[in-house]
């Protein structure tokens, strides 16, 4: 999915449920500074972000379940870091755009 208002809306709906109702949705997928708010919302003690790229960016949220020793990866590819972060965040939430 391309970066833009549609992707921003999906992030607001699935990562920040109800937080942005009735107000303008931030430009999560096009502004890296705003995309870091998505990272802060997703990451925690058991979830880490790995971001790499140049022309094509890959964001990967790595989830480690200590009590089961299970790990899961949720990745997104984009032409910008912000887009890749948003797509990976939707993957964490089980949303396929």
C-alpha atoms as a PDB file:
ATOM      1  CA  UNK A   1       0.000   0.000   0.000  1.00  0.00           C
ATOM      2  CA  UNK A   2       1.286   3.435  -0.899  1.00  0.00           C
ATOM      3  CA  UNK A   3       2.037   6.043   1.735  1.00  0.00           C
ATOM      4  CA  UNK A   4      -0.735   8.574   2.199  1.00  0.00           C
ATOM      5  CA  UNK A   5      -4.001   9.306   3.927  1.00  0.00           C
ATOM      6  CA  UNK A   6      -5.456   5.808   3.462  1.00  0.00           C
ATOM      7  CA  UNK A   7      -2.469   4.194   5.186  1.00  0.00           C
ATOM      8  CA  UNK A   8      -2.503   6.910   7.863  1.00  0.00           C
ATOM      9  CA  UNK A   9      -6.167   6.116   8.546  1.00  0.00           C
ATOM     10  CA  UNK A  10      -5.416   2.414   8.958  1.00  0.00           C
ATOM     11  CA  UNK A  11      -2.661   3.223  11.450  1.00  0.00           C
ATOM     12  CA  UNK A  12      -4.984   5.492  13.442  1.00  0.00           C
ATOM     13  CA  UNK A  13      -7.692   2.815  13.433  1.00  0.00           C
ATOM     14  CA  UNK A  14      -5.571  -0.235  14.311  1.00  0.00           C
ATOM     15  CA  UNK A  15      -2.575   1.093  16.243  1.00  0.00           C
ATOM     16  CA  UNK A  16      -4.208   4.024  18.026  1.00  0.00           C
ATOM     17  CA  UNK A  17      -7.874   2.940  18.323  1.00  0.00           C
ATOM     18  CA  UNK A  18     -10.223   5.846  19.049  1.00  0.00           C
ATOM     19  CA  UNK A  19      -7.363   8.236  19.905  1.00  0.00           C
ATOM     20  CA  UNK A  20      -7.762  10.283  16.739  1.00  0.00           C
ATOM     21  CA  UNK A  21     -11.571  10.277  16.447  1.00  0.00           C
ATOM     22  CA  UNK A  22     -12.846  13.657  15.396  1.00  0.00           C
ATOM     23  CA  UNK A  23      -9.417  15.217  14.802  1.00  0.00           C
ATOM     24  CA  UNK A  24      -7.047  15.309  11.866  1.00  0.00           C
ATOM     25  CA  UNK A  25      -5.048  12.119  11.559  1.00  0.00           C
ATOM     26  CA  UNK A  26      -1.286  12.716  11.620  1.00  0.00           C
ATOM     27  CA  UNK A  27       0.791  11.882   8.548  1.00  0.00           C
ATOM     28  CA  UNK A  28       2.202   8.659   9.959  1.00  0.00           C
ATOM     29  CA  UNK A  29       3.255   7.205   6.607  1.00  0.00           C
ATOM     30  CA  UNK A  30       4.962  10.270   5.130  1.00  0.00           C
ATOM     31  CA  UNK A  31       6.608  12.033   8.083  1.00  0.00           C
ATOM     32  CA  UNK A  32       9.360  10.082   9.844  1.00  0.00           C
ATOM     33  CA  UNK A  33       9.046  12.163  13.012  1.00  0.00           C
ATOM     34  CA  UNK A  34       5.374  11.211  13.238  1.00  0.00           C
ATOM     35  CA  UNK A  35       6.108   7.576  12.320  1.00  0.00           C
ATOM     36  CA  UNK A  36       8.256   7.320  15.456  1.00  0.00           C
ATOM     37  CA  UNK A  37       5.051   7.720  17.464  1.00  0.00           C
ATOM     38  CA  UNK A  38       3.932   4.450  15.864  1.00  0.00           C
ATOM     39  CA  UNK A  39       7.222   2.833  16.906  1.00  0.00           C
ATOM     40  CA  UNK A  40       6.788   4.109  20.465  1.00  0.00           C
ATOM     41  CA  UNK A  41       3.245   2.720  20.570  1.00  0.00           C
ATOM     42  CA  UNK A  42       4.241  -0.726  19.243  1.00  0.00           C
ATOM     43  CA  UNK A  43       7.612  -1.274  20.922  1.00  0.00           C
ATOM     44  CA  UNK A  44       7.972  -2.388  24.496  1.00  0.00           C
ATOM     45  CA  UNK A  45       9.840  -4.885  26.598  1.00  0.00           C
ATOM     46  CA  UNK A  46       9.195  -7.769  24.212  1.00  0.00           C
ATOM     47  CA  UNK A  47       8.961  -5.909  20.880  1.00  0.00           C
ATOM     48  CA  UNK A  48      11.897  -4.266  19.117  1.00  0.00           C
ATOM     49  CA  UNK A  49      12.241  -2.473  15.789  1.00  0.00           C
ATOM     50  CA  UNK A  50      14.912  -3.130  13.203  1.00  0.00           C
ATOM     51  CA  UNK A  51      15.025  -0.615  10.350  1.00  0.00           C
ATOM     52  CA  UNK A  52      17.303  -0.829   7.326  1.00  0.00           C
ATOM     53  CA  UNK A  53      17.450   0.321   3.757  1.00  0.00           C
ATOM     54  CA  UNK A  54      18.429   2.879   1.225  1.00  0.00           C
ATOM     55  CA  UNK A  55      16.141   2.870  -1.815  1.00  0.00           C
ATOM     56  CA  UNK A  56      13.835   0.223  -0.390  1.00  0.00           C
ATOM     57  CA  UNK A  57      13.304   0.351   3.345  1.00  0.00           C
ATOM     58  CA  UNK A  58      12.512  -2.626   5.559  1.00  0.00           C
ATOM     59  CA  UNK A  59      11.020  -2.253   9.013  1.00  0.00           C
ATOM     60  CA  UNK A  60      10.781  -5.348  11.156  1.00  0.00           C
ATOM     61  CA  UNK A  61       9.139  -5.615  14.543  1.00  0.00           C
ATOM     62  CA  UNK A  62      10.695  -8.555  16.357  1.00  0.00           C
ATOM     63  CA  UNK A  63       8.540 -10.034  19.100  1.00  0.00           C
ATOM     64  CA  UNK A  64      10.069 -12.319  21.711  1.00  0.00           C
ATOM     65  CA  UNK A  65       7.906 -14.350  24.064  1.00  0.00           C
ATOM     66  CA  UNK A  66      10.261 -15.153  26.953  1.00  0.00           C
ATOM     67  CA  UNK A  67       7.990 -17.686  28.640  1.00  0.00           C
ATOM     68  CA  UNK A  68       7.683 -19.777  25.447  1.00  0.00           C
ATOM     69  CA  UNK A  69      11.011 -18.888  23.765  1.00  0.00           C
ATOM     70  CA  UNK A  70       8.931 -18.123  20.678  1.00  0.00           C
ATOM     71  CA  UNK A  71       9.889 -15.277  18.353  1.00  0.00           C
ATOM     72  CA  UNK A  72       7.837 -13.683  15.612  1.00  0.00           C
ATOM     73  CA  UNK A  73       8.723 -11.119  13.003  1.00  0.00           C
ATOM     74  CA  UNK A  74       6.373  -8.668  11.349  1.00  0.00           C
ATOM     75  CA  UNK A  75       7.920  -6.763   8.461  1.00  0.00           C
ATOM     76  CA  UNK A  76       6.982  -4.054   6.011  1.00  0.00           C
ATOM     77  CA  UNK A  77       8.712  -2.754   2.893  1.00  0.00           C
ATOM     78  CA  UNK A  78       8.417   0.811   1.667  1.00  0.00           C
ATOM     79  CA  UNK A  79      10.082   3.480  -0.389  1.00  0.00           C
ATOM     80  CA  UNK A  80      10.584   5.523   2.808  1.00  0.00           C
ATOM     81  CA  UNK A  81      11.290   4.547   6.419  1.00  0.00           C
ATOM     82  CA  UNK A  82       7.931   5.969   7.538  1.00  0.00           C
ATOM     83  CA  UNK A  83       5.988   3.871   5.039  1.00  0.00           C
ATOM     84  CA  UNK A  84       7.882   0.707   6.000  1.00  0.00           C
ATOM     85  CA  UNK A  85       7.261   1.351   9.713  1.00  0.00           C
ATOM     86  CA  UNK A  86       3.532   1.792   9.122  1.00  0.00           C
ATOM     87  CA  UNK A  87       3.238  -1.388   7.069  1.00  0.00           C
ATOM     88  CA  UNK A  88       5.164  -3.389   9.680  1.00  0.00           C
ATOM     89  CA  UNK A  89       2.965  -1.951  12.445  1.00  0.00           C
ATOM     90  CA  UNK A  90      -0.157  -3.086  10.616  1.00  0.00           C
ATOM     91  CA  UNK A  91       1.394  -6.551  10.279  1.00  0.00           C
ATOM     92  CA  UNK A  92       1.888  -6.653  14.063  1.00  0.00           C
ATOM     93  CA  UNK A  93      -1.826  -5.901  14.440  1.00  0.00           C
ATOM     94  CA  UNK A  94      -2.780  -8.597  11.911  1.00  0.00           C
ATOM     95  CA  UNK A  95      -4.005  -6.103   9.303  1.00  0.00           C
ATOM     96  CA  UNK A  96      -3.265  -6.724   5.643  1.00  0.00           C
ATOM     97  CA  UNK A  97      -3.682  -3.460   3.707  1.00  0.00           C
END
